[in-house]
C-alpha atoms as a PDB file:
ATOM      1  CA  MET A   1       0.002   0.085  -0.077  1.00  0.00           C
ATOM      2  CA  LEU A   2       1.123   3.457  -0.654  1.00  0.00           C
ATOM      3  CA  SER A   3       2.341   5.660   2.221  1.00  0.00           C
ATOM      4  CA  CYS A   4       0.581   9.088   2.720  1.00  0.00           C
ATOM      5  CA  ARG A   5       3.691  11.012   1.519  1.00  0.00           C
ATOM      6  CA  GLU A   6       3.409   8.848  -1.901  1.00  0.00           C
ATOM      7  CA  VAL A   7      -0.325   9.782  -2.031  1.00  0.00           C
ATOM      8  CA  ALA A   8       0.222  13.346  -1.413  1.00  0.00           C
ATOM      9  CA  ALA A   9       3.175  13.401  -4.129  1.00  0.00           C
ATOM     10  CA  ARG A  10       0.831  11.754  -6.848  1.00  0.00           C
ATOM     11  CA  ALA A  11      -2.513  13.513  -5.766  1.00  0.00           C
ATOM     12  CA  SER A  12      -2.262  16.009  -8.626  1.00  0.00           C
ATOM     13  CA  ALA A  13      -1.515  13.261 -11.208  1.00  0.00           C
ATOM     14  CA  LEU A  14      -4.619  11.362 -10.065  1.00  0.00           C
ATOM     15  CA  ILE A  15      -6.810  14.295 -10.517  1.00  0.00           C
ATOM     16  CA  ASP A  16      -5.561  15.208 -13.741  1.00  0.00           C
ATOM     17  CA  GLY A  17      -5.879  11.606 -15.027  1.00  0.00           C
ATOM     18  CA  GLU A  18      -2.151  10.995 -15.665  1.00  0.00           C
ATOM     19  CA  LEU A  19      -1.940   7.847 -13.439  1.00  0.00           C
ATOM     20  CA  GLY A  20      -2.099   4.306 -15.047  1.00  0.00           C
ATOM     21  CA  LEU A  21      -4.539   1.760 -13.871  1.00  0.00           C
ATOM     22  CA  ALA A  22      -2.244   0.042 -11.341  1.00  0.00           C
ATOM     23  CA  GLN A  23      -1.218   3.366  -9.768  1.00  0.00           C
ATOM     24  CA  ARG A  24      -4.852   4.644  -9.773  1.00  0.00           C
ATOM     25  CA  LEU A  25      -6.017   1.569  -8.058  1.00  0.00           C
ATOM     26  CA  ARG A  26      -3.309   1.712  -5.500  1.00  0.00           C
ATOM     27  CA  MET A  27      -4.321   5.590  -4.701  1.00  0.00           C
ATOM     28  CA  ARG A  28      -8.013   4.488  -4.521  1.00  0.00           C
ATOM     29  CA  LEU A  29      -7.218   1.676  -2.123  1.00  0.00           C
ATOM     30  CA  HIS A  30      -5.259   4.143   0.314  1.00  0.00           C
ATOM     31  CA  LEU A  31      -8.019   6.616   0.100  1.00  0.00           C
ATOM     32  CA  ALA A  32     -10.566   4.277   1.032  1.00  0.00           C
ATOM     33  CA  MET A  33      -8.333   3.263   4.102  1.00  0.00           C
ATOM     34  CA  CYS A  34      -7.058   6.835   4.952  1.00  0.00           C
ATOM     35  CA  ARG A  35      -9.397   9.632   5.927  1.00  0.00           C
ATOM     36  CA  GLY A  36      -6.752  12.156   6.009  1.00  0.00           C
ATOM     37  CA  CYS A  37      -5.616  11.584   2.653  1.00  0.00           C
ATOM     38  CA  ALA A  38      -9.093  11.213   1.303  1.00  0.00           C
ATOM     39  CA  ARG A  39      -9.765  14.655   2.854  1.00  0.00           C
ATOM     40  CA  PHE A  40      -6.682  16.225   1.295  1.00  0.00           C
ATOM     41  CA  VAL A  41      -7.380  14.793  -2.314  1.00  0.00           C
ATOM     42  CA  ALA A  42     -11.020  16.101  -1.858  1.00  0.00           C
ATOM     43  CA  GLN A  43      -9.660  19.689  -0.947  1.00  0.00           C
ATOM     44  CA  LEU A  44      -7.266  19.472  -3.947  1.00  0.00           C
ATOM     45  CA  ARG A  45     -10.171  18.601  -6.366  1.00  0.00           C
ATOM     46  CA  LEU A  46     -12.161  21.675  -4.778  1.00  0.00           C
ATOM     47  CA  ALA A  47      -9.131  23.801  -5.303  1.00  0.00           C
ATOM     48  CA  THR A  48      -8.606  22.766  -8.988  1.00  0.00           C
ATOM     49  CA  ALA A  49     -12.307  23.317  -9.717  1.00  0.00           C
ATOM     50  CA  LEU A  50     -12.370  26.710  -8.011  1.00  0.00           C
ATOM     51  CA  ILE A  51      -9.192  27.718  -9.858  1.00  0.00           C
ATOM     52  CA  ALA A  52     -10.720  26.567 -13.317  1.00  0.00           C
ATOM     53  CA  LEU A  53     -13.591  28.475 -12.622  1.00  0.00           C
ATOM     54  CA  ALA A  54     -11.889  31.457 -11.570  1.00  0.00           C
ATOM     55  CA  GLY A  55     -10.188  31.437 -14.867  1.00  0.00           C
ATOM     56  CA  GLY A  56     -13.398  30.963 -16.831  1.00  0.00           C
ATOM     57  CA  GLU A  57     -12.737  27.419 -17.637  1.00  0.00           C
ATOM     58  CA  GLU A  58     -15.389  24.575 -16.982  1.00  0.00           C
ATOM     59  CA  PRO A  59     -14.274  22.086 -14.613  1.00  0.00           C
ATOM     60  CA  GLY A  60     -12.512  19.088 -16.457  1.00  0.00           C
ATOM     61  CA  GLN A  61     -14.940  16.234 -16.649  1.00  0.00           C
ATOM     62  CA  ASP A  62     -18.502  17.531 -15.787  1.00  0.00           C
ATOM     63  CA  PRO A  63     -20.122  21.001 -15.279  1.00  0.00           C
ATOM     64  CA  SER A  64     -21.656  19.689 -12.164  1.00  0.00           C
ATOM     65  CA  ARG A  65     -18.470  18.711 -10.522  1.00  0.00           C
ATOM     66  CA  LEU A  66     -17.764  21.538  -8.333  1.00  0.00           C
ATOM     67  CA  ALA A  67     -21.463  21.059  -6.957  1.00  0.00           C
ATOM     68  CA  ALA A  68     -20.607  17.411  -6.301  1.00  0.00           C
ATOM     69  CA  ILE A  69     -17.256  18.309  -4.533  1.00  0.00           C
ATOM     70  CA  LEU A  70     -18.966  20.708  -2.504  1.00  0.00           C
ATOM     71  CA  ASP A  71     -21.622  18.282  -1.452  1.00  0.00           C
ATOM     72  CA  ARG A  72     -19.120  15.656  -0.452  1.00  0.00           C
ATOM     73  CA  LEU A  73     -17.534  18.131   1.812  1.00  0.00           C
ATOM     74  CA  GLY A  74     -20.691  19.372   3.314  1.00  0.00           C
ATOM     75  CA  HIS A  75     -20.380  22.982   2.108  1.00  0.00           C
ATOM     76  CA  PRO A  76     -23.556  25.059   0.620  1.00  0.00           C
ATOM     77  CA  GLU A  77     -22.835  25.855  -3.013  1.00  0.00           C
ATOM     78  CA  GLY A  78     -23.392  29.489  -2.585  1.00  0.00           C
ATOM     79  CA  GLY A  79     -20.836  29.750   0.592  1.00  0.00           C
ATOM     80  CA  ASP A  80     -22.877  32.107   2.481  1.00  0.00           C
ATOM     81  CA  GLY A  81     -24.214  29.451   4.901  1.00  0.00           C
ATOM     82  CA  THR A  82     -27.759  29.531   3.258  1.00  0.00           C
END
């Protein structure tokens, strides 16, 4: 199994779809077992989506990706607590 350091080092590659099948499966296994790393990757996905939106680009895979990420993190989409 990958260490937390290895997961952190490869998190961007996972999000960008740059990992092969074996690496992706090892990452997903670790994320399923490590709450801290799962939160880290979720935060990185959120940051990536927000940066894309700030630059006027759609988030990579699906326009509803940001809303799904926010839902998983338990944040209201508007960010104002409503």
